[in-house]
Amino acid sequence: MEKKIGEVTHYYGKIGVGIVKLSASIKVGDMLHFVGHSTDFTQLVDSIQIEHKPVQDAKKGDDIGLKVVQKVHEGDEVFLVS
């Protein structure tokens, strides 16, 4: 089962980091599924950053930086895989 937890708002290609606006909480160790027009992959969350500082979890409303294994695009949806 999957629950939408956010949307990609930006992607930094040089460092492979996606910025996600959260609509629900996530934590390190969660499995996320990224879905969009040309995006479809899952990955484990191994680090979360808020304003360039590493955190263990993030809550609804936060803008977080996530290291991603593939390119993501603005508007891609992010789901929590349970």
N, C-alpha and C. Protein backbone atom coordinates (compact mmCIF):
# COMPACT_ATOMS: atom_id res chain seq x y z
N MET A 1 0.84 -1.19 0.00
CA MET A 1 0.00 0.00 0.00
C MET A 1 0.88 1.25 0.00
N GLU A 2 0.43 2.27 -0.71
CA GLU A 2 1.19 3.52 -0.78
C GLU A 2 0.32 4.69 -0.38
N LYS A 3 0.98 5.68 0.25
CA LYS A 3 0.29 6.90 0.69
C LYS A 3 1.09 8.08 0.16
N LYS A 4 0.42 9.02 -0.51
CA LYS A 4 1.13 10.20 -1.00
C LYS A 4 1.61 11.04 0.17
N ILE A 5 2.91 11.37 0.15
CA ILE A 5 3.46 12.13 1.27
C ILE A 5 4.11 13.43 0.80
N GLY A 6 4.08 13.70 -0.50
CA GLY A 6 4.67 14.95 -0.94
C GLY A 6 4.84 15.06 -2.44
N GLU A 7 5.48 16.17 -2.84
CA GLU A 7 5.69 16.46 -4.26
C GLU A 7 7.06 17.11 -4.42
N VAL A 8 7.74 16.73 -5.50
CA VAL A 8 9.05 17.31 -5.79
C VAL A 8 8.85 18.75 -6.26
N THR A 9 9.61 19.67 -5.65
CA THR A 9 9.51 21.08 -6.05
C THR A 9 10.76 21.55 -6.80
N HIS A 10 11.87 20.80 -6.66
CA HIS A 10 13.10 21.19 -7.34
C HIS A 10 14.05 20.00 -7.39
N TYR A 11 14.96 20.03 -8.36
CA TYR A 11 15.98 18.98 -8.47
C TYR A 11 17.33 19.62 -8.77
N TYR A 12 18.32 19.26 -7.98
CA TYR A 12 19.69 19.73 -8.20
C TYR A 12 20.49 18.59 -8.82
N GLY A 13 20.66 18.65 -10.13
CA GLY A 13 21.29 17.57 -10.88
C GLY A 13 22.73 17.29 -10.51
N LYS A 14 23.50 18.35 -10.27
CA LYS A 14 24.93 18.16 -9.99
C LYS A 14 25.17 17.35 -8.73
N ILE A 15 24.28 17.52 -7.73
CA ILE A 15 24.47 16.80 -6.47
C ILE A 15 23.45 15.68 -6.27
N GLY A 16 22.52 15.51 -7.22
CA GLY A 16 21.55 14.43 -7.15
C GLY A 16 20.60 14.53 -5.98
N VAL A 17 20.12 15.75 -5.73
CA VAL A 17 19.22 15.98 -4.59
C VAL A 17 17.89 16.53 -5.06
N GLY A 18 16.82 15.92 -4.57
CA GLY A 18 15.48 16.41 -4.85
C GLY A 18 14.93 17.14 -3.63
N ILE A 19 14.22 18.25 -3.87
CA ILE A 19 13.55 18.97 -2.79
C ILE A 19 12.08 18.54 -2.82
N VAL A 20 11.59 18.11 -1.67
CA VAL A 20 10.22 17.59 -1.56
C VAL A 20 9.45 18.40 -0.54
N LYS A 21 8.27 18.89 -0.94
CA LYS A 21 7.33 19.55 -0.03
C LYS A 21 6.45 18.45 0.56
N LEU A 22 6.54 18.26 1.87
CA LEU A 22 5.84 17.15 2.51
C LEU A 22 4.39 17.48 2.84
N SER A 23 3.51 16.49 2.60
CA SER A 23 2.12 16.60 3.04
C SER A 23 1.85 15.57 4.14
N ALA A 24 2.89 14.85 4.56
CA ALA A 24 2.82 13.89 5.67
C ALA A 24 4.23 13.68 6.19
N SER A 25 4.35 13.03 7.34
CA SER A 25 5.66 12.82 7.95
C SER A 25 6.41 11.65 7.33
N ILE A 26 7.76 11.75 7.33
CA ILE A 26 8.61 10.63 6.94
C ILE A 26 9.81 10.59 7.88
N LYS A 27 10.53 9.47 7.84
CA LYS A 27 11.73 9.33 8.67
C LYS A 27 12.78 8.53 7.91
N VAL A 28 14.02 8.64 8.36
CA VAL A 28 15.10 7.85 7.80
C VAL A 28 14.74 6.38 7.95
N GLY A 29 14.93 5.60 6.89
CA GLY A 29 14.58 4.18 6.90
C GLY A 29 13.29 3.88 6.15
N ASP A 30 12.50 4.93 5.84
CA ASP A 30 11.26 4.73 5.07
C ASP A 30 11.60 4.41 3.61
N MET A 31 10.70 3.70 2.95
CA MET A 31 10.82 3.41 1.52
C MET A 31 9.89 4.36 0.78
N LEU A 32 10.44 5.10 -0.20
CA LEU A 32 9.65 6.05 -0.97
C LEU A 32 9.55 5.61 -2.42
N HIS A 33 8.42 5.95 -3.05
CA HIS A 33 8.17 5.67 -4.46
C HIS A 33 7.96 7.02 -5.16
N PHE A 34 8.82 7.32 -6.13
CA PHE A 34 8.73 8.56 -6.90
C PHE A 34 8.03 8.26 -8.22
N VAL A 35 6.97 9.02 -8.53
CA VAL A 35 6.18 8.77 -9.74
C VAL A 35 5.92 10.08 -10.46
N GLY A 36 6.16 10.08 -11.78
CA GLY A 36 5.88 11.25 -12.59
C GLY A 36 5.80 10.87 -14.05
N HIS A 37 5.76 11.86 -14.92
CA HIS A 37 5.65 11.64 -16.36
C HIS A 37 6.73 10.69 -16.87
N SER A 38 7.97 10.91 -16.45
CA SER A 38 9.07 10.02 -16.89
C SER A 38 9.85 9.49 -15.69
N THR A 39 9.20 9.45 -14.54
CA THR A 39 9.84 9.02 -13.30
C THR A 39 9.04 7.88 -12.69
N ASP A 40 9.72 6.80 -12.28
CA ASP A 40 9.05 5.70 -11.58
C ASP A 40 10.12 4.82 -10.94
N PHE A 41 10.45 5.10 -9.67
CA PHE A 41 11.41 4.27 -8.96
C PHE A 41 11.15 4.34 -7.46
N THR A 42 11.66 3.35 -6.76
CA THR A 42 11.56 3.34 -5.31
C THR A 42 12.97 3.41 -4.73
N GLN A 43 13.07 3.96 -3.54
CA GLN A 43 14.37 4.00 -2.86
C GLN A 43 14.17 4.17 -1.37
N LEU A 44 15.17 3.70 -0.62
CA LEU A 44 15.19 3.83 0.82
C LEU A 44 15.69 5.23 1.18
N VAL A 45 15.09 5.84 2.20
CA VAL A 45 15.55 7.13 2.69
C VAL A 45 16.74 6.88 3.60
N ASP A 46 17.95 7.29 3.17
CA ASP A 46 19.11 7.12 4.04
C ASP A 46 19.54 8.42 4.69
N SER A 47 19.04 9.55 4.20
CA SER A 47 19.30 10.82 4.87
C SER A 47 18.25 11.84 4.46
N ILE A 48 17.93 12.71 5.39
CA ILE A 48 16.98 13.81 5.17
C ILE A 48 17.68 15.08 5.64
N GLN A 49 17.56 16.15 4.85
CA GLN A 49 18.10 17.43 5.29
C GLN A 49 17.02 18.50 5.26
N ILE A 50 17.04 19.35 6.27
CA ILE A 50 16.18 20.54 6.31
C ILE A 50 17.13 21.72 6.48
N GLU A 51 17.10 22.62 5.50
CA GLU A 51 18.01 23.78 5.49
C GLU A 51 19.46 23.35 5.70
N HIS A 52 19.87 22.34 4.94
CA HIS A 52 21.26 21.84 4.90
C HIS A 52 21.72 21.16 6.19
N LYS A 53 20.78 20.87 7.10
CA LYS A 53 21.13 20.18 8.34
C LYS A 53 20.48 18.80 8.34
N PRO A 54 21.27 17.75 8.63
CA PRO A 54 20.69 16.40 8.65
C PRO A 54 19.72 16.22 9.82
N VAL A 55 18.59 15.57 9.53
CA VAL A 55 17.59 15.26 10.55
C VAL A 55 17.17 13.80 10.39
N GLN A 56 16.57 13.22 11.44
CA GLN A 56 16.12 11.83 11.40
C GLN A 56 14.70 11.71 10.88
N ASP A 57 13.90 12.77 11.03
CA ASP A 57 12.53 12.73 10.54
C ASP A 57 12.07 14.14 10.17
N ALA A 58 10.99 14.18 9.41
CA ALA A 58 10.44 15.47 8.96
C ALA A 58 8.92 15.35 8.97
N LYS A 59 8.25 16.50 9.12
CA LYS A 59 6.80 16.47 9.28
C LYS A 59 6.10 17.23 8.15
N LYS A 60 4.79 17.07 8.12
CA LYS A 60 3.94 17.75 7.14
C LYS A 60 4.28 19.24 7.09
N GLY A 61 4.43 19.77 5.88
CA GLY A 61 4.72 21.19 5.72
C GLY A 61 6.20 21.49 5.52
N ASP A 62 7.08 20.53 5.91
CA ASP A 62 8.52 20.75 5.74
C ASP A 62 8.93 20.65 4.27
N ASP A 63 9.93 21.42 3.91
CA ASP A 63 10.60 21.26 2.62
C ASP A 63 11.92 20.56 2.93
N ILE A 64 12.08 19.37 2.37
CA ILE A 64 13.26 18.57 2.71
C ILE A 64 14.12 18.31 1.47
N GLY A 65 15.40 18.09 1.71
CA GLY A 65 16.31 17.66 0.67
C GLY A 65 16.58 16.18 0.83
N LEU A 66 16.46 15.44 -0.28
CA LEU A 66 16.71 14.00 -0.27
C LEU A 66 17.70 13.65 -1.37
N LYS A 67 18.71 12.87 -1.04
CA LYS A 67 19.60 12.33 -2.06
C LYS A 67 18.80 11.29 -2.82
N VAL A 68 18.71 11.43 -4.15
CA VAL A 68 17.91 10.49 -4.94
C VAL A 68 18.80 9.68 -5.88
N VAL A 69 18.39 8.43 -6.14
CA VAL A 69 19.19 7.52 -6.96
C VAL A 69 18.99 7.75 -8.45
N GLN A 70 17.90 8.43 -8.82
CA GLN A 70 17.63 8.78 -10.21
C GLN A 70 17.14 10.22 -10.26
N LYS A 71 17.17 10.78 -11.47
CA LYS A 71 16.68 12.15 -11.66
C LYS A 71 15.19 12.22 -11.36
N VAL A 72 14.79 13.29 -10.67
CA VAL A 72 13.37 13.56 -10.43
C VAL A 72 13.03 14.90 -11.07
N HIS A 73 11.75 15.17 -11.23
CA HIS A 73 11.30 16.39 -11.90
C HIS A 73 10.29 17.12 -11.04
N GLU A 74 10.23 18.44 -11.21
CA GLU A 74 9.22 19.23 -10.51
C GLU A 74 7.85 18.65 -10.80
N GLY A 75 7.05 18.50 -9.76
CA GLY A 75 5.69 17.97 -9.92
C GLY A 75 5.60 16.47 -9.74
N ASP A 76 6.74 15.75 -9.70
CA ASP A 76 6.68 14.32 -9.43
C ASP A 76 6.06 14.10 -8.06
N GLU A 77 5.23 13.06 -7.94
CA GLU A 77 4.60 12.74 -6.67
C GLU A 77 5.48 11.76 -5.90
N VAL A 78 5.45 11.88 -4.58
CA VAL A 78 6.25 11.00 -3.72
C VAL A 78 5.31 10.26 -2.79
N PHE A 79 5.46 8.93 -2.77
CA PHE A 79 4.59 8.07 -1.96
C PHE A 79 5.42 7.31 -0.95
N LEU A 80 4.83 7.09 0.24
CA LEU A 80 5.43 6.24 1.26
C LEU A 80 4.94 4.81 1.01
N VAL A 81 5.88 3.87 0.86
CA VAL A 81 5.53 2.47 0.64
C VAL A 81 5.49 1.80 2.01
N SER A 82 4.32 1.17 2.32
CA SER A 82 4.23 0.52 3.63
C SER A 82 4.09 -0.99 3.49
